[in-house]
Amino acid sequence: SPMQDTITVYLRNAGSPYAIVDVTKGNLSPSGTVSLNFPNAVNGVNYYIVVKHRNSVETWSKAGGEMFSSGALNFDFTTAASQAYGSNMVLVGGEYSIFTGDVNDDDIVDAADVSLIDNDAFNFVSGYVVTDLNCDGSVDGTDATFGDNNAFNFVGIVRP
């Protein structure tokens, strides 16, 4: 993302029904990193890390979850598609990234999202808006292309 942006990260139990243990928000650095605190996390217990972004597909960490040790957990989604549950990521510029385009937050990129993006592009909408998929400050054909491609490929949430 060209601009610093906010994500919401949920810590969920690794077993069904995957209850939310903790939730926090953070600002991604320009390099895409963030440090977050989860005061409810317990060492030695597996959790799923779930990332939500304003116009992207909710993404869960790999099957089985991740474990805190000594009060810390370092996790990098960008190293391999398999870091996400169901390998639900795309390779962009040598790093794996979450899919963009779910602007109406219904867990799938489809015609409803593309219609919102197309309308905003037609009306030259700019600023910090959900339909600006590449986060460059304006909604245009590039954003429509991302939405179209992800809708065509049936991109949506993959979770346990």
C-alpha atoms as a PDB file:
ATOM      1  CA  SER A   1       0.000   0.000   0.000  1.00  0.00           C
ATOM      2  CA  PRO A   2       1.486   3.382  -0.944  1.00  0.00           C
ATOM      3  CA  MET A   3      -0.017   5.028   2.154  1.00  0.00           C
ATOM      4  CA  GLN A   4       0.120   4.010   5.775  1.00  0.00           C
ATOM      5  CA  ASP A   5      -3.163   2.317   6.596  1.00  0.00           C
ATOM      6  CA  THR A   6      -5.003   0.770   9.513  1.00  0.00           C
ATOM      7  CA  ILE A   7      -5.788  -2.916   9.991  1.00  0.00           C
ATOM      8  CA  THR A   8      -7.853  -4.704  12.602  1.00  0.00           C
ATOM      9  CA  VAL A   9      -6.404  -7.952  13.874  1.00  0.00           C
ATOM     10  CA  TYR A  10      -8.412 -10.560  15.743  1.00  0.00           C
ATOM     11  CA  LEU A  11      -6.914 -13.302  17.856  1.00  0.00           C
ATOM     12  CA  ARG A  12      -9.252 -16.314  17.688  1.00  0.00           C
ATOM     13  CA  ASN A  13      -9.190 -19.699  19.386  1.00  0.00           C
ATOM     14  CA  ALA A  14      -7.725 -22.377  17.132  1.00  0.00           C
ATOM     15  CA  GLY A  15     -10.650 -24.716  17.833  1.00  0.00           C
ATOM     16  CA  SER A  16     -14.248 -24.445  16.721  1.00  0.00           C
ATOM     17  CA  PRO A  17     -16.209 -22.201  17.156  1.00  0.00           C
ATOM     18  CA  TYR A  18     -13.058 -20.016  16.876  1.00  0.00           C
ATOM     19  CA  ALA A  19     -14.144 -17.534  19.533  1.00  0.00           C
ATOM     20  CA  ILE A  20     -12.537 -14.087  19.543  1.00  0.00           C
ATOM     21  CA  VAL A  21      -9.974 -13.903  22.344  1.00  0.00           C
ATOM     22  CA  ASP A  22      -8.712 -10.395  21.632  1.00  0.00           C
ATOM     23  CA  VAL A  23      -8.900  -7.660  19.002  1.00  0.00           C
ATOM     24  CA  THR A  24      -6.763  -4.619  18.306  1.00  0.00           C
ATOM     25  CA  LYS A  25      -6.081  -2.086  15.578  1.00  0.00           C
ATOM     26  CA  GLY A  26      -2.744  -0.942  14.273  1.00  0.00           C
ATOM     27  CA  ASN A  27      -1.162   1.195  11.587  1.00  0.00           C
ATOM     28  CA  LEU A  28       0.892  -0.612   8.997  1.00  0.00           C
ATOM     29  CA  SER A  29       4.318   0.854   8.478  1.00  0.00           C
ATOM     30  CA  PRO A  30       5.348   1.768   4.918  1.00  0.00           C
ATOM     31  CA  SER A  31       7.061  -1.649   4.762  1.00  0.00           C
ATOM     32  CA  GLY A  32       3.836  -3.400   5.803  1.00  0.00           C
ATOM     33  CA  THR A  33       4.769  -4.317   9.370  1.00  0.00           C
ATOM     34  CA  VAL A  34       2.839  -3.670  12.567  1.00  0.00           C
ATOM     35  CA  SER A  35       3.398  -4.375  16.264  1.00  0.00           C
ATOM     36  CA  LEU A  36       0.288  -5.181  18.282  1.00  0.00           C
ATOM     37  CA  ASN A  37      -0.522  -6.113  21.871  1.00  0.00           C
ATOM     38  CA  PHE A  38      -2.910  -8.899  22.818  1.00  0.00           C
ATOM     39  CA  PRO A  39      -3.231  -8.846  26.612  1.00  0.00           C
ATOM     40  CA  ASN A  40      -5.617 -11.834  26.642  1.00  0.00           C
ATOM     41  CA  ALA A  41      -3.178 -14.171  24.844  1.00  0.00           C
ATOM     42  CA  VAL A  42      -1.825 -17.116  26.826  1.00  0.00           C
ATOM     43  CA  ASN A  43       1.591 -18.664  26.185  1.00  0.00           C
ATOM     44  CA  GLY A  44       1.502 -22.190  24.739  1.00  0.00           C
ATOM     45  CA  VAL A  45      -2.019 -21.888  23.295  1.00  0.00           C
ATOM     46  CA  ASN A  46      -2.676 -21.918  19.555  1.00  0.00           C
ATOM     47  CA  TYR A  47      -4.595 -19.013  18.038  1.00  0.00           C
ATOM     48  CA  TYR A  48      -5.603 -17.947  14.577  1.00  0.00           C
ATOM     49  CA  ILE A  49      -4.493 -14.460  13.564  1.00  0.00           C
ATOM     50  CA  VAL A  50      -7.235 -12.824  11.494  1.00  0.00           C
ATOM     51  CA  VAL A  51      -6.505  -9.633   9.541  1.00  0.00           C
ATOM     52  CA  LYS A  52      -9.207  -7.261   8.326  1.00  0.00           C
ATOM     53  CA  HIS A  53      -8.570  -4.204   6.194  1.00  0.00           C
ATOM     54  CA  ARG A  54     -11.069  -1.632   4.956  1.00  0.00           C
ATOM     55  CA  ASN A  55     -11.321  -2.986   1.397  1.00  0.00           C
ATOM     56  CA  SER A  56      -9.650  -6.382   1.491  1.00  0.00           C
ATOM     57  CA  VAL A  57     -10.702  -9.964   2.033  1.00  0.00           C
ATOM     58  CA  GLU A  58     -10.477 -11.055   5.673  1.00  0.00           C
ATOM     59  CA  THR A  59      -7.424 -13.324   5.929  1.00  0.00           C
ATOM     60  CA  TRP A  60      -6.747 -16.037   8.531  1.00  0.00           C
ATOM     61  CA  SER A  61      -3.311 -17.397   9.452  1.00  0.00           C
ATOM     62  CA  LYS A  62      -2.337 -20.906   8.363  1.00  0.00           C
ATOM     63  CA  ALA A  63      -4.105 -24.071   9.526  1.00  0.00           C
ATOM     64  CA  GLY A  64      -3.528 -24.975  13.158  1.00  0.00           C
ATOM     65  CA  GLY A  65      -2.897 -21.464  14.362  1.00  0.00           C
ATOM     66  CA  GLU A  66       0.079 -19.766  15.967  1.00  0.00           C
ATOM     67  CA  MET A  67       1.438 -19.890  19.512  1.00  0.00           C
ATOM     68  CA  PHE A  68       2.728 -17.189  21.855  1.00  0.00           C
ATOM     69  CA  SER A  69       5.934 -17.914  23.723  1.00  0.00           C
ATOM     70  CA  SER A  70       7.330 -15.678  26.471  1.00  0.00           C
ATOM     71  CA  GLY A  71       4.497 -13.255  25.749  1.00  0.00           C
ATOM     72  CA  ALA A  72       5.473 -12.753  22.108  1.00  0.00           C
ATOM     73  CA  LEU A  73       4.488 -14.004  18.671  1.00  0.00           C
ATOM     74  CA  ASN A  74       6.115 -12.958  15.424  1.00  0.00           C
ATOM     75  CA  PHE A  75       4.217 -13.850  12.270  1.00  0.00           C
ATOM     76  CA  ASP A  76       4.840 -12.870   8.661  1.00  0.00           C
ATOM     77  CA  PHE A  77       2.054 -13.392   6.129  1.00  0.00           C
ATOM     78  CA  THR A  78       4.259 -12.219   3.239  1.00  0.00           C
ATOM     79  CA  THR A  79       6.740 -15.120   3.030  1.00  0.00           C
ATOM     80  CA  ALA A  80       4.477 -17.738   1.422  1.00  0.00           C
ATOM     81  CA  ALA A  81       0.878 -18.191   0.338  1.00  0.00           C
ATOM     82  CA  SER A  82       0.698 -21.057   2.843  1.00  0.00           C
ATOM     83  CA  GLN A  83       1.030 -18.528   5.695  1.00  0.00           C
ATOM     84  CA  ALA A  84      -2.684 -17.843   5.126  1.00  0.00           C
ATOM     85  CA  TYR A  85      -5.398 -20.405   5.737  1.00  0.00           C
ATOM     86  CA  GLY A  86      -6.090 -22.137   2.417  1.00  0.00           C
ATOM     87  CA  SER A  87      -3.146 -20.227   0.863  1.00  0.00           C
ATOM     88  CA  ASN A  88      -5.616 -17.391   0.295  1.00  0.00           C
ATOM     89  CA  MET A  89      -3.135 -14.715  -0.810  1.00  0.00           C
ATOM     90  CA  VAL A  90      -1.647 -13.337  -4.003  1.00  0.00           C
ATOM     91  CA  LEU A  91       2.023 -12.789  -4.940  1.00  0.00           C
ATOM     92  CA  VAL A  92       2.718  -9.091  -5.511  1.00  0.00           C
ATOM     93  CA  GLY A  93       6.223  -7.746  -6.073  1.00  0.00           C
ATOM     94  CA  GLY A  94       7.903 -10.803  -4.525  1.00  0.00           C
ATOM     95  CA  GLU A  95       5.751 -10.835  -1.369  1.00  0.00           C
ATOM     96  CA  TYR A  96       2.447 -12.475  -0.628  1.00  0.00           C
ATOM     97  CA  SER A  97      -0.418 -10.081   0.070  1.00  0.00           C
ATOM     98  CA  ILE A  98      -4.047 -10.249   1.102  1.00  0.00           C
ATOM     99  CA  PHE A  99      -6.593  -9.883  -1.687  1.00  0.00           C
ATOM    100  CA  THR A 100      -8.228  -6.510  -2.227  1.00  0.00           C
ATOM    101  CA  GLY A 101     -11.688  -5.667  -3.505  1.00  0.00           C
ATOM    102  CA  ASP A 102     -14.215  -6.650  -0.820  1.00  0.00           C
ATOM    103  CA  VAL A 103     -15.428  -3.069  -0.468  1.00  0.00           C
ATOM    104  CA  ASN A 104     -18.880  -3.972   0.912  1.00  0.00           C
ATOM    105  CA  ASP A 105     -17.364  -6.355   3.484  1.00  0.00           C
ATOM    106  CA  ASP A 106     -19.483  -9.387   2.612  1.00  0.00           C
ATOM    107  CA  ASP A 107     -16.511 -11.817   2.481  1.00  0.00           C
ATOM    108  CA  ILE A 108     -16.310 -12.127  -1.318  1.00  0.00           C
ATOM    109  CA  VAL A 109     -15.221  -9.940  -4.224  1.00  0.00           C
ATOM    110  CA  ASP A 110     -18.115  -9.912  -6.668  1.00  0.00           C
ATOM    111  CA  ALA A 111     -20.240  -7.749  -8.954  1.00  0.00           C
ATOM    112  CA  ALA A 112     -21.638  -5.777  -6.004  1.00  0.00           C
ATOM    113  CA  ASP A 113     -18.104  -4.613  -5.123  1.00  0.00           C
ATOM    114  CA  VAL A 114     -17.161  -3.958  -8.745  1.00  0.00           C
ATOM    115  CA  SER A 115     -20.289  -1.856  -9.228  1.00  0.00           C
ATOM    116  CA  LEU A 116     -19.369   0.366  -6.261  1.00  0.00           C
ATOM    117  CA  ILE A 117     -15.816   0.744  -7.588  1.00  0.00           C
ATOM    118  CA  ASP A 118     -17.007   1.508 -11.143  1.00  0.00           C
ATOM    119  CA  ASN A 119     -19.479   4.126  -9.890  1.00  0.00           C
ATOM    120  CA  ASP A 120     -16.815   5.881  -7.837  1.00  0.00           C
ATOM    121  CA  ALA A 121     -14.343   5.769 -10.742  1.00  0.00           C
ATOM    122  CA  PHE A 122     -16.984   7.268 -13.065  1.00  0.00           C
ATOM    123  CA  ASN A 123     -17.586  10.058 -10.533  1.00  0.00           C
ATOM    124  CA  PHE A 124     -13.854  10.738  -9.975  1.00  0.00           C
ATOM    125  CA  VAL A 125     -14.122  10.029  -6.239  1.00  0.00           C
ATOM    126  CA  SER A 126     -10.915  10.656  -4.307  1.00  0.00           C
ATOM    127  CA  GLY A 127      -9.650  10.497  -0.748  1.00  0.00           C
ATOM    128  CA  TYR A 128      -9.584   7.777   1.875  1.00  0.00           C
ATOM    129  CA  VAL A 129     -12.447   5.665   0.513  1.00  0.00           C
ATOM    130  CA  VAL A 130     -13.035   1.905   0.458  1.00  0.00           C
ATOM    131  CA  THR A 131     -13.257   1.784  -3.331  1.00  0.00           C
ATOM    132  CA  ASP A 132      -9.655   3.001  -3.711  1.00  0.00           C
ATOM    133  CA  LEU A 133      -8.161  -0.489  -3.858  1.00  0.00           C
ATOM    134  CA  ASN A 134      -4.549   0.510  -4.520  1.00  0.00           C
ATOM    135  CA  CYS A 135      -4.687   3.253  -1.859  1.00  0.00           C
ATOM    136  CA  ASP A 136      -3.354   6.011  -4.110  1.00  0.00           C
ATOM    137  CA  GLY A 137      -6.038   8.526  -3.139  1.00  0.00           C
ATOM    138  CA  SER A 138      -8.272   8.260  -6.203  1.00  0.00           C
ATOM    139  CA  VAL A 139     -10.709   5.708  -7.570  1.00  0.00           C
ATOM    140  CA  ASP A 140      -9.954   4.927 -11.195  1.00  0.00           C
ATOM    141  CA  GLY A 141      -9.528   2.187 -13.779  1.00  0.00           C
ATOM    142  CA  THR A 142      -6.691   0.563 -11.849  1.00  0.00           C
ATOM    143  CA  ASP A 143      -8.995  -0.042  -8.892  1.00  0.00           C
ATOM    144  CA  ALA A 144     -11.690  -1.355 -11.235  1.00  0.00           C
ATOM    145  CA  THR A 145      -9.183  -3.774 -12.770  1.00  0.00           C
ATOM    146  CA  PHE A 146      -8.218  -5.168  -9.350  1.00  0.00           C
ATOM    147  CA  GLY A 147     -11.892  -5.595  -8.472  1.00  0.00           C
ATOM    148  CA  ASP A 148     -12.777  -7.154 -11.834  1.00  0.00           C
ATOM    149  CA  ASN A 149      -9.878  -9.616 -11.717  1.00  0.00           C
ATOM    150  CA  ASN A 150     -10.604 -10.725  -8.152  1.00  0.00           C
ATOM    151  CA  ALA A 151     -14.331 -11.070  -8.859  1.00  0.00           C
ATOM    152  CA  PHE A 152     -13.572 -13.092 -12.017  1.00  0.00           C
ATOM    153  CA  ASN A 153     -11.348 -15.396  -9.934  1.00  0.00           C
ATOM    154  CA  PHE A 154     -14.033 -15.840  -7.224  1.00  0.00           C
ATOM    155  CA  VAL A 155     -11.786 -14.404  -4.505  1.00  0.00           C
ATOM    156  CA  GLY A 156     -13.335 -14.617  -1.074  1.00  0.00           C
ATOM    157  CA  ILE A 157     -12.646 -15.453   2.526  1.00  0.00           C
ATOM    158  CA  VAL A 158     -11.189 -18.881   3.356  1.00  0.00           C
ATOM    159  CA  ARG A 159     -11.459 -19.894   6.987  1.00  0.00           C
ATOM    160  CA  PRO A 160     -11.670 -23.071   9.016  1.00  0.00           C
END
